[in-house]
PDB file of N, CA and C in Angstrom:
ATOM      1  N   MET A   1      24.675  63.330   3.102  1.00  0.00           N
ATOM      2  CA  MET A   1      25.904  62.404   2.594  1.00  0.00           C
ATOM      3  C   MET A   1      25.641  60.918   3.087  1.00  0.00           C
ATOM      4  N   ALA A   2      23.903  60.435   3.884  1.00  0.00           N
ATOM      5  CA  ALA A   2      24.162  59.938   3.851  1.00  0.00           C
ATOM      6  C   ALA A   2      23.506  58.781   3.037  1.00  0.00           C
ATOM      7  N   ILE A   3      22.845  59.699   1.629  1.00  0.00           N
ATOM      8  CA  ILE A   3      21.988  59.284   0.671  1.00  0.00           C
ATOM      9  C   ILE A   3      23.046  58.728  -0.090  1.00  0.00           C
ATOM     10  N   VAL A   4      24.162  59.629  -0.439  1.00  0.00           N
ATOM     11  CA  VAL A   4      25.579  59.449  -1.790  1.00  0.00           C
ATOM     12  C   VAL A   4      26.211  57.927  -1.019  1.00  0.00           C
ATOM     13  N   ASP A   5      26.244  57.529   0.251  1.00  0.00           N
ATOM     14  CA  ASP A   5      26.881  56.732   0.977  1.00  0.00           C
ATOM     15  C   ASP A   5      25.974  55.137   0.430  1.00  0.00           C
ATOM     16  N   SER A   6      24.313  55.763   0.709  1.00  0.00           N
ATOM     17  CA  SER A   6      23.463  54.938   0.075  1.00  0.00           C
ATOM     18  C   SER A   6      23.548  54.032  -0.837  1.00  0.00           C
ATOM     19  N   VAL A   7      23.590  55.177  -1.910  1.00  0.00           N
ATOM     20  CA  VAL A   7      24.090  54.925  -3.347  1.00  0.00           C
ATOM     21  C   VAL A   7      24.807  54.320  -3.791  1.00  0.00           C
ATOM     22  N   GLY A   8      26.250  54.766  -3.390  1.00  0.00           N
ATOM     23  CA  GLY A   8      27.260  54.014  -3.524  1.00  0.00           C
ATOM     24  C   GLY A   8      27.205  52.988  -3.242  1.00  0.00           C
ATOM     25  N   ARG A   9      26.734  52.367  -2.306  1.00  0.00           N
ATOM     26  CA  ARG A   9      26.693  50.839  -2.081  1.00  0.00           C
ATOM     27  C   ARG A   9      26.025  50.364  -2.372  1.00  0.00           C
ATOM     28  N   LEU A  10      24.683  50.663  -3.216  1.00  0.00           N
ATOM     29  CA  LEU A  10      24.090  49.968  -3.931  1.00  0.00           C
ATOM     30  C   LEU A  10      24.468  49.875  -4.703  1.00  0.00           C
ATOM     31  N   ALA A  11      25.586  50.957  -5.674  1.00  0.00           N
ATOM     32  CA  ALA A  11      25.727  50.462  -7.098  1.00  0.00           C
ATOM     33  C   ALA A  11      26.886  49.471  -6.987  1.00  0.00           C
ATOM     34  N   ALA A  12      27.559  49.207  -5.739  1.00  0.00           N
ATOM     35  CA  ALA A  12      28.650  48.291  -5.640  1.00  0.00           C
ATOM     36  C   ALA A  12      28.412  47.345  -5.374  1.00  0.00           C
ATOM     37  N   THR A  13      26.712  46.850  -4.569  1.00  0.00           N
ATOM     38  CA  THR A  13      26.358  45.884  -4.738  1.00  0.00           C
ATOM     39  C   THR A  13      25.801  45.190  -6.223  1.00  0.00           C
ATOM     40  N   LEU A  14      25.346  46.283  -6.719  1.00  0.00           N
ATOM     41  CA  LEU A  14      24.539  46.075  -8.158  1.00  0.00           C
ATOM     42  C   LEU A  14      25.973  45.685  -8.960  1.00  0.00           C
ATOM     43  N   VAL A  15      27.209  46.500  -8.654  1.00  0.00           N
ATOM     44  CA  VAL A  15      28.263  45.470  -9.929  1.00  0.00           C
ATOM     45  C   VAL A  15      28.812  44.539  -8.922  1.00  0.00           C
ATOM     46  N   GLY A  16      29.029  44.528  -8.497  1.00  0.00           N
ATOM     47  CA  GLY A  16      29.245  42.639  -7.436  1.00  0.00           C
ATOM     48  C   GLY A  16      28.410  41.765  -7.811  1.00  0.00           C
ATOM     49  N   ILE A  17      27.307  41.988  -7.929  1.00  0.00           N
ATOM     50  CA  ILE A  17      26.436  40.958  -8.168  1.00  0.00           C
ATOM     51  C   ILE A  17      26.523  40.754 -10.112  1.00  0.00           C
ATOM     52  N   LEU A  18      26.427  41.519 -10.729  1.00  0.00           N
ATOM     53  CA  LEU A  18      26.598  41.547 -12.483  1.00  0.00           C
ATOM     54  C   LEU A  18      28.203  41.104 -12.327  1.00  0.00           C
ATOM     55  N   HIS A  19      29.090  41.164 -12.014  1.00  0.00           N
ATOM     56  CA  HIS A  19      30.363  40.752 -11.877  1.00  0.00           C
ATOM     57  C   HIS A  19      30.145  39.163 -11.666  1.00  0.00           C
ATOM     58  N   THR A  20      29.667  38.615 -10.659  1.00  0.00           N
ATOM     59  CA  THR A  20      29.385  36.878 -10.295  1.00  0.00           C
ATOM     60  C   THR A  20      28.607  36.359 -11.131  1.00  0.00           C
ATOM     61  N   ARG A  21      27.512  37.150 -11.727  1.00  0.00           N
ATOM     62  CA  ARG A  21      26.667  36.405 -12.827  1.00  0.00           C
ATOM     63  C   ARG A  21      27.512  36.434 -14.431  1.00  0.00           C
ATOM     64  N   LEU A  22      27.996  37.339 -14.551  1.00  0.00           N
ATOM     65  CA  LEU A  22      29.075  37.183 -15.757  1.00  0.00           C
ATOM     66  C   LEU A  22      30.134  35.861 -15.637  1.00  0.00           C
ATOM     67  N   ALA A  23      30.968  36.073 -13.919  1.00  0.00           N
ATOM     68  CA  ALA A  23      31.767  34.846 -14.179  1.00  0.00           C
ATOM     69  C   ALA A  23      30.683  33.652 -14.400  1.00  0.00           C
ATOM     70  N   LEU A  24      29.888  33.529 -13.759  1.00  0.00           N
ATOM     71  CA  LEU A  24      29.211  32.350 -13.980  1.00  0.00           C
ATOM     72  C   LEU A  24      28.765  32.015 -15.551  1.00  0.00           C
ATOM     73  N   ILE A  25      28.360  32.946 -16.320  1.00  0.00           N
ATOM     74  CA  ILE A  25      28.141  32.900 -17.680  1.00  0.00           C
ATOM     75  C   ILE A  25      29.034  32.052 -18.339  1.00  0.00           C
ATOM     76  N   ALA A  26      30.316  32.788 -17.932  1.00  0.00           N
ATOM     77  CA  ALA A  26      31.761  32.361 -18.485  1.00  0.00           C
ATOM     78  C   ALA A  26      31.857  30.912 -18.353  1.00  0.00           C
ATOM     79  N   VAL A  27      31.527  30.475 -16.871  1.00  0.00           N
ATOM     80  CA  VAL A  27      32.061  29.092 -16.649  1.00  0.00           C
ATOM     81  C   VAL A  27      30.774  28.088 -17.075  1.00  0.00           C
ATOM     82  N   GLU A  28      29.768  28.142 -17.543  1.00  0.00           N
ATOM     83  CA  GLU A  28      28.555  27.919 -17.971  1.00  0.00           C
ATOM     84  C   GLU A  28      29.200  27.741 -19.801  1.00  0.00           C
ATOM     85  N   VAL A  29      29.254  28.995 -20.378  1.00  0.00           N
ATOM     86  CA  VAL A  29      29.765  28.606 -21.328  1.00  0.00           C
ATOM     87  C   VAL A  29      31.303  27.756 -21.572  1.00  0.00           C
ATOM     88  N   GLU A  30      32.153  28.143 -20.719  1.00  0.00           N
ATOM     89  CA  GLU A  30      33.445  26.878 -21.165  1.00  0.00           C
ATOM     90  C   GLU A  30      33.217  25.434 -21.019  1.00  0.00           C
ATOM     91  N   GLU A  31      32.072  24.861 -19.741  1.00  0.00           N
ATOM     92  CA  GLU A  31      31.527  23.621 -19.675  1.00  0.00           C
ATOM     93  C   GLU A  31      30.874  23.227 -21.225  1.00  0.00           C
ATOM     94  N   GLU A  32      29.890  24.004 -21.746  1.00  0.00           N
ATOM     95  CA  GLU A  32      28.903  23.498 -23.190  1.00  0.00           C
ATOM     96  C   GLU A  32      30.028  23.212 -23.921  1.00  0.00           C
ATOM     97  N   LEU A  33      31.322  24.564 -24.185  1.00  0.00           N
ATOM     98  CA  LEU A  33      32.540  23.989 -25.071  1.00  0.00           C
ATOM     99  C   LEU A  33      32.935  22.879 -25.088  1.00  0.00           C
ATOM    100  N   ALA A  34      33.336  22.410 -23.845  1.00  0.00           N
ATOM    101  CA  ALA A  34      33.927  21.072 -23.142  1.00  0.00           C
ATOM    102  C   ALA A  34      32.921  20.050 -23.663  1.00  0.00           C
ATOM    103  N   ARG A  35      31.545  19.947 -23.155  1.00  0.00           N
ATOM    104  CA  ARG A  35      30.829  18.901 -23.670  1.00  0.00           C
ATOM    105  C   ARG A  35      30.480  18.672 -25.109  1.00  0.00           C
ATOM    106  N   PHE A  36      30.705  20.085 -25.766  1.00  0.00           N
ATOM    107  CA  PHE A  36      30.419  19.876 -27.146  1.00  0.00           C
ATOM    108  C   PHE A  36      31.467  19.243 -28.036  1.00  0.00           C
ATOM    109  N   SER A  37      32.911  19.609 -27.306  1.00  0.00           N
ATOM    110  CA  SER A  37      33.781  19.366 -28.194  1.00  0.00           C
ATOM    111  C   SER A  37      33.798  17.697 -27.621  1.00  0.00           C
ATOM    112  N   SER A  38      33.011  16.773 -26.243  1.00  0.00           N
ATOM    113  CA  SER A  38      33.216  15.900 -26.034  1.00  0.00           C
ATOM    114  C   SER A  38      32.336  14.945 -27.369  1.00  0.00           C
ATOM    115  N   TYR A  39      31.155  15.676 -27.549  1.00  0.00           N
ATOM    116  CA  TYR A  39      29.929  15.156 -28.260  1.00  0.00           C
ATOM    117  C   TYR A  39      30.889  15.137 -29.878  1.00  0.00           C
ATOM    118  N   LEU A  40      31.571  15.978 -30.527  1.00  0.00           N
ATOM    119  CA  LEU A  40      32.241  15.620 -31.647  1.00  0.00           C
ATOM    120  C   LEU A  40      33.277  15.105 -31.752  1.00  0.00           C
ATOM    121  N   LEU A  41      33.868  14.601 -30.725  1.00  0.00           N
ATOM    122  CA  LEU A  41      34.870  13.333 -30.942  1.00  0.00           C
ATOM    123  C   LEU A  41      34.077  12.309 -30.923  1.00  0.00           C
ATOM    124  N   TRP A  42      33.367  12.082 -29.765  1.00  0.00           N
ATOM    125  CA  TRP A  42      32.458  10.631 -29.883  1.00  0.00           C
ATOM    126  C   TRP A  42      31.960  10.518 -31.463  1.00  0.00           C
ATOM    127  N   SER A  43      31.226  11.683 -31.741  1.00  0.00           N
ATOM    128  CA  SER A  43      30.615  11.147 -33.305  1.00  0.00           C
ATOM    129  C   SER A  43      31.501  10.807 -34.280  1.00  0.00           C
ATOM    130  N   LEU A  44      32.710  11.186 -34.242  1.00  0.00           N
ATOM    131  CA  LEU A  44      33.556  11.291 -35.297  1.00  0.00           C
ATOM    132  C   LEU A  44      34.197   9.976 -35.082  1.00  0.00           C
ATOM    133  N   VAL A  45      34.483   9.480 -33.532  1.00  0.00           N
ATOM    134  CA  VAL A  45      34.425   7.729 -33.494  1.00  0.00           C
ATOM    135  C   VAL A  45      33.757   6.810 -33.928  1.00  0.00           C
ATOM    136  N   ALA A  46      32.280   7.434 -33.993  1.00  0.00           N
ATOM    137  CA  ALA A  46      31.067   6.503 -34.231  1.00  0.00           C
ATOM    138  C   ALA A  46      31.078   6.620 -35.885  1.00  0.00           C
ATOM    139  N   LEU A  47      31.416   7.420 -36.440  1.00  0.00           N
ATOM    140  CA  LEU A  47      31.491   7.430 -37.838  1.00  0.00           C
ATOM    141  C   LEU A  47      32.763   6.798 -38.490  1.00  0.00           C
ATOM    142  N   PHE A  48      33.739   7.063 -37.863  1.00  0.00           N
ATOM    143  CA  PHE A  48      34.925   6.283 -38.274  1.00  0.00           C
ATOM    144  C   PHE A  48      34.623   4.595 -37.925  1.00  0.00           C
ATOM    145  N   CYS A  49      33.759   4.426 -37.153  1.00  0.00           N
ATOM    146  CA  CYS A  49      33.412   2.862 -36.867  1.00  0.00           C
ATOM    147  C   CYS A  49      32.443   2.486 -37.982  1.00  0.00           C
ATOM    148  N   ALA A  50      31.664   3.319 -38.394  1.00  0.00           N
ATOM    149  CA  ALA A  50      30.491   3.052 -39.319  1.00  0.00           C
ATOM    150  C   ALA A  50      30.961   2.788 -40.925  1.00  0.00           C
ATOM    151  N   GLY A  51      32.037   3.882 -41.331  1.00  0.00           N
ATOM    152  CA  GLY A  51      32.766   3.637 -42.102  1.00  0.00           C
ATOM    153  C   GLY A  51      33.828   2.503 -42.284  1.00  0.00           C
ATOM    154  N   VAL A  52      34.430   2.066 -41.342  1.00  0.00           N
ATOM    155  CA  VAL A  52      35.295   0.924 -41.638  1.00  0.00           C
ATOM    156  C   VAL A  52      34.119  -0.328 -41.901  1.00  0.00           C
ATOM    157  N   ALA A  53      32.840  -0.178 -41.071  1.00  0.00           N
ATOM    158  CA  ALA A  53      31.837  -1.411 -41.387  1.00  0.00           C
ATOM    159  C   ALA A  53      31.797  -1.309 -42.983  1.00  0.00           C
ATOM    160  N   VAL A  54      31.500  -0.185 -43.375  1.00  0.00           N
ATOM    161  CA  VAL A  54      30.974  -0.330 -44.272  1.00  0.00           C
ATOM    162  C   VAL A  54      32.122  -0.802 -45.702  1.00  0.00           C
ATOM    163  N   LEU A  55      33.286  -0.550 -45.239  1.00  0.00           N
ATOM    164  CA  LEU A  55      34.341  -1.043 -46.363  1.00  0.00           C
ATOM    165  C   LEU A  55      34.504  -2.428 -45.592  1.00  0.00           C
ATOM    166  N   LEU A  56      34.296  -2.604 -44.817  1.00  0.00           N
ATOM    167  CA  LEU A  56      34.506  -4.346 -44.790  1.00  0.00           C
ATOM    168  C   LEU A  56      33.283  -5.149 -45.075  1.00  0.00           C
ATOM    169  N   GLY A  57      31.561  -4.543 -44.986  1.00  0.00           N
ATOM    170  CA  GLY A  57      30.861  -4.987 -45.838  1.00  0.00           C
ATOM    171  C   GLY A  57      30.895  -5.548 -47.444  1.00  0.00           C
ATOM    172  N   VAL A  58      31.733  -4.554 -47.735  1.00  0.00           N
ATOM    173  CA  VAL A  58      32.521  -4.495 -49.393  1.00  0.00           C
ATOM    174  C   VAL A  58      33.544  -5.726 -49.437  1.00  0.00           C
ATOM    175  N   LEU A  59      34.316  -5.500 -48.660  1.00  0.00           N
ATOM    176  CA  LEU A  59      35.078  -6.836 -48.872  1.00  0.00           C
ATOM    177  C   LEU A  59      34.624  -7.742 -48.542  1.00  0.00           C
ATOM    178  N   LEU A  60      33.724  -8.072 -47.467  1.00  0.00           N
ATOM    179  CA  LEU A  60      33.167  -9.227 -47.511  1.00  0.00           C
ATOM    180  C   LEU A  60      32.151  -9.958 -48.761  1.00  0.00           C
ATOM    181  N   VAL A  61      31.629  -9.047 -49.391  1.00  0.00           N
ATOM    182  CA  VAL A  61      31.363  -9.206 -50.847  1.00  0.00           C
ATOM    183  C   VAL A  61      32.260  -9.819 -51.826  1.00  0.00           C
ATOM    184  N   VAL A  62      32.946  -9.378 -51.859  1.00  0.00           N
ATOM    185  CA  VAL A  62      34.037  -9.679 -52.524  1.00  0.00           C
ATOM    186  C   VAL A  62      34.952 -11.438 -51.981  1.00  0.00           C
ATOM    187  N   ALA A  63      35.098 -11.294 -50.476  1.00  0.00           N
ATOM    188  CA  ALA A  63      35.312 -12.581 -49.757  1.00  0.00           C
ATOM    189  C   ALA A  63      34.256 -13.748 -50.121  1.00  0.00           C
ATOM    190  N   ILE A  64      33.111 -13.717 -50.627  1.00  0.00           N
ATOM    191  CA  ILE A  64      32.353 -14.815 -50.112  1.00  0.00           C
ATOM    192  C   ILE A  64      32.545 -15.792 -51.448  1.00  0.00           C
ATOM    193  N   PHE A  65      32.793 -14.872 -52.571  1.00  0.00           N
ATOM    194  CA  PHE A  65      33.707 -15.725 -53.747  1.00  0.00           C
ATOM    195  C   PHE A  65      34.563 -15.937 -53.942  1.00  0.00           C
ATOM    196  N   TRP A  66      35.545 -16.090 -52.667  1.00  0.00           N
ATOM    197  CA  TRP A  66      36.830 -16.712 -52.753  1.00  0.00           C
ATOM    198  C   TRP A  66      36.664 -17.685 -52.546  1.00  0.00           C
ATOM    199  N   ASP A  67      38.152 -18.779 -52.003  1.00  0.00           N
ATOM    200  CA  ASP A  67      38.083 -20.042 -52.196  1.00  0.00           C
ATOM    201  C   ASP A  67      37.558 -20.574 -50.768  1.00  0.00           C
ATOM    202  N   THR A  68      38.495 -19.616 -49.358  1.00  0.00           N
ATOM    203  CA  THR A  68      38.495 -20.281 -47.876  1.00  0.00           C
ATOM    204  C   THR A  68      37.753 -19.746 -47.239  1.00  0.00           C
ATOM    205  N   HIS A  69      37.699 -19.712 -45.567  1.00  0.00           N
ATOM    206  CA  HIS A  69      36.705 -19.104 -44.808  1.00  0.00           C
ATOM    207  C   HIS A  69      37.213 -17.595 -44.460  1.00  0.00           C
ATOM    208  N   ARG A  70      37.749 -16.998 -45.179  1.00  0.00           N
ATOM    209  CA  ARG A  70      37.932 -15.638 -44.977  1.00  0.00           C
ATOM    210  C   ARG A  70      36.993 -14.332 -44.586  1.00  0.00           C
ATOM    211  N   PHE A  71      35.672 -15.010 -45.047  1.00  0.00           N
ATOM    212  CA  PHE A  71      34.594 -14.272 -44.942  1.00  0.00           C
ATOM    213  C   PHE A  71      34.120 -14.073 -43.420  1.00  0.00           C
ATOM    214  N   ALA A  72      34.622 -15.466 -43.164  1.00  0.00           N
ATOM    215  CA  ALA A  72      34.017 -15.230 -41.628  1.00  0.00           C
ATOM    216  C   ALA A  72      34.667 -14.185 -40.422  1.00  0.00           C
ATOM    217  N   VAL A  73      35.789 -13.888 -40.900  1.00  0.00           N
ATOM    218  CA  VAL A  73      36.544 -13.359 -40.148  1.00  0.00           C
ATOM    219  C   VAL A  73      36.375 -11.895 -40.747  1.00  0.00           C
ATOM    220  N   LEU A  74      35.853 -11.358 -41.715  1.00  0.00           N
ATOM    221  CA  LEU A  74      35.739 -10.239 -42.574  1.00  0.00           C
ATOM    222  C   LEU A  74      34.084 -10.172 -41.395  1.00  0.00           C
ATOM    223  N   LEU A  75      33.330 -11.091 -41.222  1.00  0.00           N
ATOM    224  CA  LEU A  75      32.383 -10.367 -41.055  1.00  0.00           C
ATOM    225  C   LEU A  75      31.878 -10.540 -39.669  1.00  0.00           C
ATOM    226  N   SER A  76      33.226 -11.073 -38.804  1.00  0.00           N
ATOM    227  CA  SER A  76      33.302 -10.897 -37.491  1.00  0.00           C
ATOM    228  C   SER A  76      33.777  -9.511 -37.203  1.00  0.00           C
ATOM    229  N   LEU A  77      34.434  -8.954 -38.215  1.00  0.00           N
ATOM    230  CA  LEU A  77      35.099  -7.470 -37.805  1.00  0.00           C
ATOM    231  C   LEU A  77      33.699  -6.599 -38.204  1.00  0.00           C
ATOM    232  N   ILE A  78      33.144  -7.004 -39.394  1.00  0.00           N
ATOM    233  CA  ILE A  78      32.064  -5.953 -39.675  1.00  0.00           C
ATOM    234  C   ILE A  78      30.882  -6.109 -38.330  1.00  0.00           C
ATOM    235  N   THR A  79      30.845  -7.324 -37.755  1.00  0.00           N
ATOM    236  CA  THR A  79      29.867  -7.257 -36.385  1.00  0.00           C
ATOM    237  C   THR A  79      30.373  -6.057 -35.547  1.00  0.00           C
ATOM    238  N   LEU A  80      31.744  -6.883 -35.428  1.00  0.00           N
ATOM    239  CA  LEU A  80      32.195  -5.388 -34.221  1.00  0.00           C
ATOM    240  C   LEU A  80      32.256  -4.194 -33.991  1.00  0.00           C
ATOM    241  N   PHE A  81      32.494  -3.894 -35.830  1.00  0.00           N
ATOM    242  CA  PHE A  81      33.037  -2.059 -35.770  1.00  0.00           C
ATOM    243  C   PHE A  81      31.323  -1.712 -35.644  1.00  0.00           C
ATOM    244  N   SER A  82      30.333  -2.642 -36.421  1.00  0.00           N
ATOM    245  CA  SER A  82      28.755  -2.172 -36.588  1.00  0.00           C
ATOM    246  C   SER A  82      28.505  -2.245 -34.473  1.00  0.00           C
ATOM    247  N   GLY A  83      28.778  -2.787 -34.004  1.00  0.00           N
ATOM    248  CA  GLY A  83      28.124  -2.534 -32.872  1.00  0.00           C
ATOM    249  C   GLY A  83      28.885  -1.652 -32.165  1.00  0.00           C
ATOM    250  N   ILE A  84      29.793  -1.813 -32.202  1.00  0.00           N
ATOM    251  CA  ILE A  84      30.630  -0.133 -31.759  1.00  0.00           C
ATOM    252  C   ILE A  84      29.966   1.186 -32.192  1.00  0.00           C
ATOM    253  N   ALA A  85      29.871   1.523 -33.525  1.00  0.00           N
ATOM    254  CA  ALA A  85      29.180   2.514 -34.152  1.00  0.00           C
ATOM    255  C   ALA A  85      27.650   2.655 -33.455  1.00  0.00           C
ATOM    256  N   LEU A  86      26.819   1.755 -33.113  1.00  0.00           N
ATOM    257  CA  LEU A  86      25.720   1.372 -32.644  1.00  0.00           C
ATOM    258  C   LEU A  86      25.784   2.058 -31.119  1.00  0.00           C
ATOM    259  N   VAL A  87      26.595   1.487 -30.202  1.00  0.00           N
ATOM    260  CA  VAL A  87      27.229   1.622 -28.844  1.00  0.00           C
ATOM    261  C   VAL A  87      26.845   3.264 -28.815  1.00  0.00           C
ATOM    262  N   LEU A  88      28.489   3.600 -29.646  1.00  0.00           N
ATOM    263  CA  LEU A  88      28.768   4.701 -29.604  1.00  0.00           C
ATOM    264  C   LEU A  88      27.407   6.141 -29.923  1.00  0.00           C
ATOM    265  N   GLY A  89      26.751   5.929 -30.706  1.00  0.00           N
ATOM    266  CA  GLY A  89      25.551   6.721 -31.525  1.00  0.00           C
ATOM    267  C   GLY A  89      24.398   6.511 -30.390  1.00  0.00           C
ATOM    268  N   TRP A  90      24.698   5.432 -29.960  1.00  0.00           N
ATOM    269  CA  TRP A  90      23.343   5.449 -28.661  1.00  0.00           C
ATOM    270  C   TRP A  90      23.581   6.612 -27.211  1.00  0.00           C
ATOM    271  N   ARG A  91      25.094   5.957 -26.986  1.00  0.00           N
ATOM    272  CA  ARG A  91      25.383   6.973 -25.848  1.00  0.00           C
ATOM    273  C   ARG A  91      25.258   8.409 -26.317  1.00  0.00           C
ATOM    274  N   LEU A  92      25.500   8.724 -27.140  1.00  0.00           N
ATOM    275  CA  LEU A  92      25.659  10.172 -28.264  1.00  0.00           C
ATOM    276  C   LEU A  92      24.788  10.635 -27.752  1.00  0.00           C
ATOM    277  N   ARG A  93      23.557   9.777 -28.414  1.00  0.00           N
ATOM    278  CA  ARG A  93      22.043  10.279 -28.353  1.00  0.00           C
ATOM    279  C   ARG A  93      21.817  10.670 -26.975  1.00  0.00           C
ATOM    280  N   GLU A  94      21.430   9.395 -26.112  1.00  0.00           N
ATOM    281  CA  GLU A  94      21.574   9.995 -24.345  1.00  0.00           C
ATOM    282  C   GLU A  94      21.985  10.950 -23.693  1.00  0.00           C
ATOM    283  N   THR A  95      23.332  11.583 -24.077  1.00  0.00           N
ATOM    284  CA  THR A  95      23.826  12.758 -23.413  1.00  0.00           C
ATOM    285  C   THR A  95      23.594  13.602 -23.944  1.00  0.00           C
ATOM    286  N   LEU A  96      23.081  14.103 -25.607  1.00  0.00           N
ATOM    287  CA  LEU A  96      22.202  15.146 -25.716  1.00  0.00           C
ATOM    288  C   LEU A  96      20.915  15.024 -25.117  1.00  0.00           C
ATOM    289  N   ARG A  97      20.306  13.947 -24.883  1.00  0.00           N
ATOM    290  CA  ARG A  97      18.986  14.062 -24.310  1.00  0.00           C
ATOM    291  C   ARG A  97      18.743  14.833 -22.859  1.00  0.00           C
ATOM    292  N   ASN A  98      19.877  14.094 -22.253  1.00  0.00           N
ATOM    293  CA  ASN A  98      20.480  14.310 -20.583  1.00  0.00           C
ATOM    294  C   ASN A  98      20.949  15.658 -20.510  1.00  0.00           C
ATOM    295  N   LYS A  99      21.817  16.644 -21.487  1.00  0.00           N
ATOM    296  CA  LYS A  99      22.293  17.828 -21.002  1.00  0.00           C
ATOM    297  C   LYS A  99      21.703  18.830 -20.398  1.00  0.00           C
ATOM    298  N   PRO A 100      22.106  19.574 -19.937  1.00  0.00           N
ATOM    299  CA  PRO A 100      21.492  20.919 -19.613  1.00  0.00           C
ATOM    300  C   PRO A 100      21.521  21.784 -20.332  1.00  0.00           C
ATOM    301  N   ARG A 101      20.204  22.575 -19.700  1.00  0.00           N
ATOM    302  CA  ARG A 101      19.973  23.790 -20.663  1.00  0.00           C
ATOM    303  C   ARG A 101      21.344  24.929 -20.937  1.00  0.00           C
ATOM    304  N   LEU A 102      21.237  25.296 -21.783  1.00  0.00           N
ATOM    305  CA  LEU A 102      22.914  26.327 -21.955  1.00  0.00           C
ATOM    306  C   LEU A 102      22.179  27.916 -20.706  1.00  0.00           C
ATOM    307  N   LEU A 103      23.208  28.054 -20.113  1.00  0.00           N
ATOM    308  CA  LEU A 103      23.081  29.019 -19.097  1.00  0.00           C
ATOM    309  C   LEU A 103      21.818  28.571 -17.802  1.00  0.00           C
ATOM    310  N   ALA A 104      21.490  27.821 -18.090  1.00  0.00           N
ATOM    311  CA  ALA A 104      20.595  27.072 -16.797  1.00  0.00           C
ATOM    312  C   ALA A 104      20.921  28.176 -15.472  1.00  0.00           C
ATOM    313  N   TYR A 105      21.727  27.669 -14.964  1.00  0.00           N
ATOM    314  CA  TYR A 105      22.331  28.019 -13.573  1.00  0.00           C
ATOM    315  C   TYR A 105      22.435  29.656 -13.763  1.00  0.00           C
ATOM    316  N   THR A 106      22.575  30.074 -14.613  1.00  0.00           N
ATOM    317  CA  THR A 106      22.920  31.701 -14.432  1.00  0.00           C
ATOM    318  C   THR A 106      21.258  32.175 -14.643  1.00  0.00           C
ATOM    319  N   LEU A 107      20.575  31.556 -15.305  1.00  0.00           N
ATOM    320  CA  LEU A 107      19.227  32.137 -15.440  1.00  0.00           C
ATOM    321  C   LEU A 107      18.556  32.099 -14.244  1.00  0.00           C
ATOM    322  N   ASN A 108      18.909  30.633 -13.424  1.00  0.00           N
ATOM    323  CA  ASN A 108      18.050  30.858 -12.168  1.00  0.00           C
ATOM    324  C   ASN A 108      18.505  31.728 -11.075  1.00  0.00           C
ATOM    325  N   GLU A 109      19.988  31.843 -11.154  1.00  0.00           N
ATOM    326  CA  GLU A 109      20.378  33.044 -10.390  1.00  0.00           C
ATOM    327  C   GLU A 109      19.845  34.581 -10.413  1.00  0.00           C
ATOM    328  N   LEU A 110      20.007  34.768 -11.841  1.00  0.00           N
ATOM    329  CA  LEU A 110      19.246  36.172 -12.242  1.00  0.00           C
ATOM    330  C   LEU A 110      17.716  36.081 -11.719  1.00  0.00           C
ATOM    331  N   SER A 111      16.832  34.910 -12.004  1.00  0.00           N
ATOM    332  CA  SER A 111      15.637  34.790 -11.463  1.00  0.00           C
ATOM    333  C   SER A 111      15.373  34.969  -9.854  1.00  0.00           C
ATOM    334  N   SER A 112      16.755  34.382  -9.227  1.00  0.00           N
ATOM    335  CA  SER A 112      16.488  34.639  -7.760  1.00  0.00           C
ATOM    336  C   SER A 112      17.102  35.928  -7.019  1.00  0.00           C
ATOM    337  N   ASP A 113      17.767  36.501  -7.940  1.00  0.00           N
ATOM    338  CA  ASP A 113      18.436  38.179  -7.870  1.00  0.00           C
ATOM    339  C   ASP A 113      17.133  39.055  -7.858  1.00  0.00           C
ATOM    340  N   VAL A 114      16.524  38.804  -9.261  1.00  0.00           N
ATOM    341  CA  VAL A 114      14.989  39.555  -9.211  1.00  0.00           C
ATOM    342  C   VAL A 114      14.401  39.875  -8.204  1.00  0.00           C
ATOM    343  N   SER A 115      13.668  38.113  -7.963  1.00  0.00           N
ATOM    344  CA  SER A 115      13.150  37.825  -6.761  1.00  0.00           C
ATOM    345  C   SER A 115      13.311  38.876  -5.311  1.00  0.00           C
ATOM    346  N   ASN A 116      14.836  38.300  -5.198  1.00  0.00           N
ATOM    347  CA  ASN A 116      15.348  39.191  -3.893  1.00  0.00           C
ATOM    348  C   ASN A 116      15.040  40.683  -3.909  1.00  0.00           C
ATOM    349  N   LEU A 117      15.345  41.269  -4.988  1.00  0.00           N
ATOM    350  CA  LEU A 117      15.437  42.718  -4.934  1.00  0.00           C
ATOM    351  C   LEU A 117      14.229  43.172  -5.237  1.00  0.00           C
ATOM    352  N   ARG A 118      13.208  42.549  -5.454  1.00  0.00           N
ATOM    353  CA  ARG A 118      11.670  42.742  -5.596  1.00  0.00           C
ATOM    354  C   ARG A 118      11.291  42.715  -4.470  1.00  0.00           C
ATOM    355  N   GLY A 119      11.840  41.775  -3.667  1.00  0.00           N
ATOM    356  CA  GLY A 119      11.339  41.159  -1.728  1.00  0.00           C
ATOM    357  C   GLY A 119      12.025  42.646  -1.356  1.00  0.00           C
ATOM    358  N   ASP A 120      13.349  42.622  -1.222  1.00  0.00           N
ATOM    359  CA  ASP A 120      13.975  43.866  -0.466  1.00  0.00           C
ATOM    360  C   ASP A 120      13.306  45.387  -0.880  1.00  0.00           C
ATOM    361  N   THR A 121      12.498  45.851  -1.907  1.00  0.00           N
ATOM    362  CA  THR A 121      12.201  46.810  -2.157  1.00  0.00           C
ATOM    363  C   THR A 121      10.653  46.730  -1.639  1.00  0.00           C
ATOM    364  N   GLU A 122       9.831  46.086  -1.480  1.00  0.00           N
ATOM    365  CA  GLU A 122       8.911  45.902  -0.860  1.00  0.00           C
ATOM    366  C   GLU A 122       8.915  45.904   0.169  1.00  0.00           C
ATOM    367  N   GLN A 123       9.860  45.473   1.161  1.00  0.00           N
ATOM    368  CA  GLN A 123       9.935  45.537   2.184  1.00  0.00           C
ATOM    369  C   GLN A 123      10.438  46.728   2.703  1.00  0.00           C
ATOM    370  N   GLY A 124      11.448  47.699   2.117  1.00  0.00           N
ATOM    371  CA  GLY A 124      11.570  48.908   2.539  1.00  0.00           C
ATOM    372  C   GLY A 124      10.706  49.816   2.284  1.00  0.00           C
ATOM    373  N   ARG A 125       9.141  49.707   1.937  1.00  0.00           N
ATOM    374  CA  ARG A 125       7.993  50.577   1.857  1.00  0.00           C
ATOM    375  C   ARG A 125       7.505  50.507   2.654  1.00  0.00           C
TER     376      ARG A 125
END
């Protein structure tokens, strides 16, 4: 019966480890989805600002041939939206460069588990 109990405890331990690792995978996937949503939102804002800058650029060309100093205001708005688009694009690029690898923590924990299990089996001999 001691062997059956030992096998049962070993199976329970392995199932517990598997459960913990699957929970960690789920958390990492959720974090990655949240991060992706953020990237998507900032990308859309940057694209909107770039689109507004192009639209205002066209209006500037029209305004240059107008009577008064209306183009100075349009030039200011073009500069503003272009600056916003550049800053957001740069921030997005830096965030993408520095993001952690997908499932990095899970892979580290699994490597640790494998090392521990190999160490336990070698010590038992």
